[in-house]
Amino acid sequence: TDLETKVSLNLNLLDKDAVPQVMDLRSALQAYLDHRIDVLVRRSRFRLSKIEDRMDVLAGYLVAYLNLDKVIKIIRTEDEPKPVLIKTFALNDGQAEAILNMRLRSLRKLEEMEIKGEQKDLRKQQSELKKLLKDESLRWGVIDKELVDLKTKFGKSTKLGARRTELGDVPTIEEKALLESAVTRENVTVVLSEKGWVRAMKGHDLALSSIRYKEGDEACFVLEMETTDKLLLFATNGRFYTLCVDKLPGGRGFGEPVRLMIDLPGEAEIIGLTKYESEDKFIVASSDGRGFIVRSQDVLAQTKNGKQILNLSGKGKAASFAHFDGDTIAVIGTNRKLLLFPAEQLPEMARGRGVILQKYKDGELSDIKSFVLKEGLSWASGERTRTETDLRMWRGERAQAGRLPPTGFPRSNRFS
């Protein structure tokens, strides 16, 4: 599991003065709490004002109760009872208005104990609100209780707070299918020459002898592909480069220099060319005998600058590139020593120097290959392919020196 997961938030909010600003999470939470305090203060002041108004009205009702008959007589006989009530009982305008707005039968129901009981309750509320407005710690206590109540009412375990929708998986859209919908799918043969000229010739099964090159140039890689494919190139600087096949120049002429399409340093050369398949794995190895397995998804580059996969040290360079599709790894050095070891001893990495594949006293790594042990080790010999099945002599452990290869193995010290 990840030790750390980062989630980016853009908290562009309005502050208490309605001014937009970008806040961090702490500031946003503090702004919310300050807002709750402000709401509490305004709510308390409003309630306090209403209590004072109600207590004023109750004082008028008490006067009316104590002088009920006289109040009823004034209301019945006077054309303008309000000023008479104010003058007779020393009432204010609000008290007189409240008495006049009552129905006469309500006046009969007024009871002194009920009025005084409500007055007592209101005085208690008034006292508590005044204390709350004076004491900040009391206000924060109320906010704390409100937050607990909110969690109780709207928490994940409640009916209101429970998720009412389901989180679905993002539909997977294969990049290749998307590319095919925009590009006409055609068979092509990609040709990369020794001097770095690349082109895509229409069709498959081309006669290699019919392919023309510039004077002094010849074929280096020939690969049958489709216009919807992506082309992976591996160079001696340890970088992978990616080209869309439909963007390659056509077969007329000699093509174009591949260095115009990728940022390949002058001293670097292409040593591997293959079609991108999302499930493929490759073995990459440096001249100093280090290497590892890498997934094709990890080498896919998005820019002309490519993607650094094999880290190099000193004067070392990337020396070999091969598909990983077997249970055994074969390594041979320029000192003509061959070593076979189990593929499980080679780690899978996304980037790095890798582990020691073979030790060299004099020489460096020449080539590497994976194969199925029971099928034997094959190599190209002229126009023929030779296979050695009795490999007990060369089997060992990773990082050993190895032995001289079987009789008939190419003097180039390469498997193909």
Foldseek 3Di string as FASTA:
>chain_A
DDPDDDDDDFQFDQAPVRDTDTDDPVVVVVRVVVVLLVVLLVVLVVVLVVLVLVLLLLVLLLLCLVVVVVLVVLLVPPPDSQVVSCVVRVHDNSNSVSVNPDDSVVSVVDDPVVSVVVNVVSVVSNVVSVVPNVDVVNSVVVVVVVVVVCCVDQPCPHPNNPDPDDDDDDDDDDPLVVLCVVDPKFKWKWWAKPQAFIATEGDPPDDLVPQDAPPPIHTDDIGIDIQSWKKWWAKFAQFIEIDRRVPFHYRPDHGGHCCVQAVDDPVMDTDDMDIQDQAWKKWWAKFAQFIAIEGSVLQYDDDSHGGHAADDDDPMTTAEMETADEQKKWWAWLVQFIAIEGNVQGHYDSHYNHDGAEHDPPTTTHYMYHHYLQVAQWADQPPDIDGDNPCPQRYDHGHYHHHHDDPRDDNSRYRD
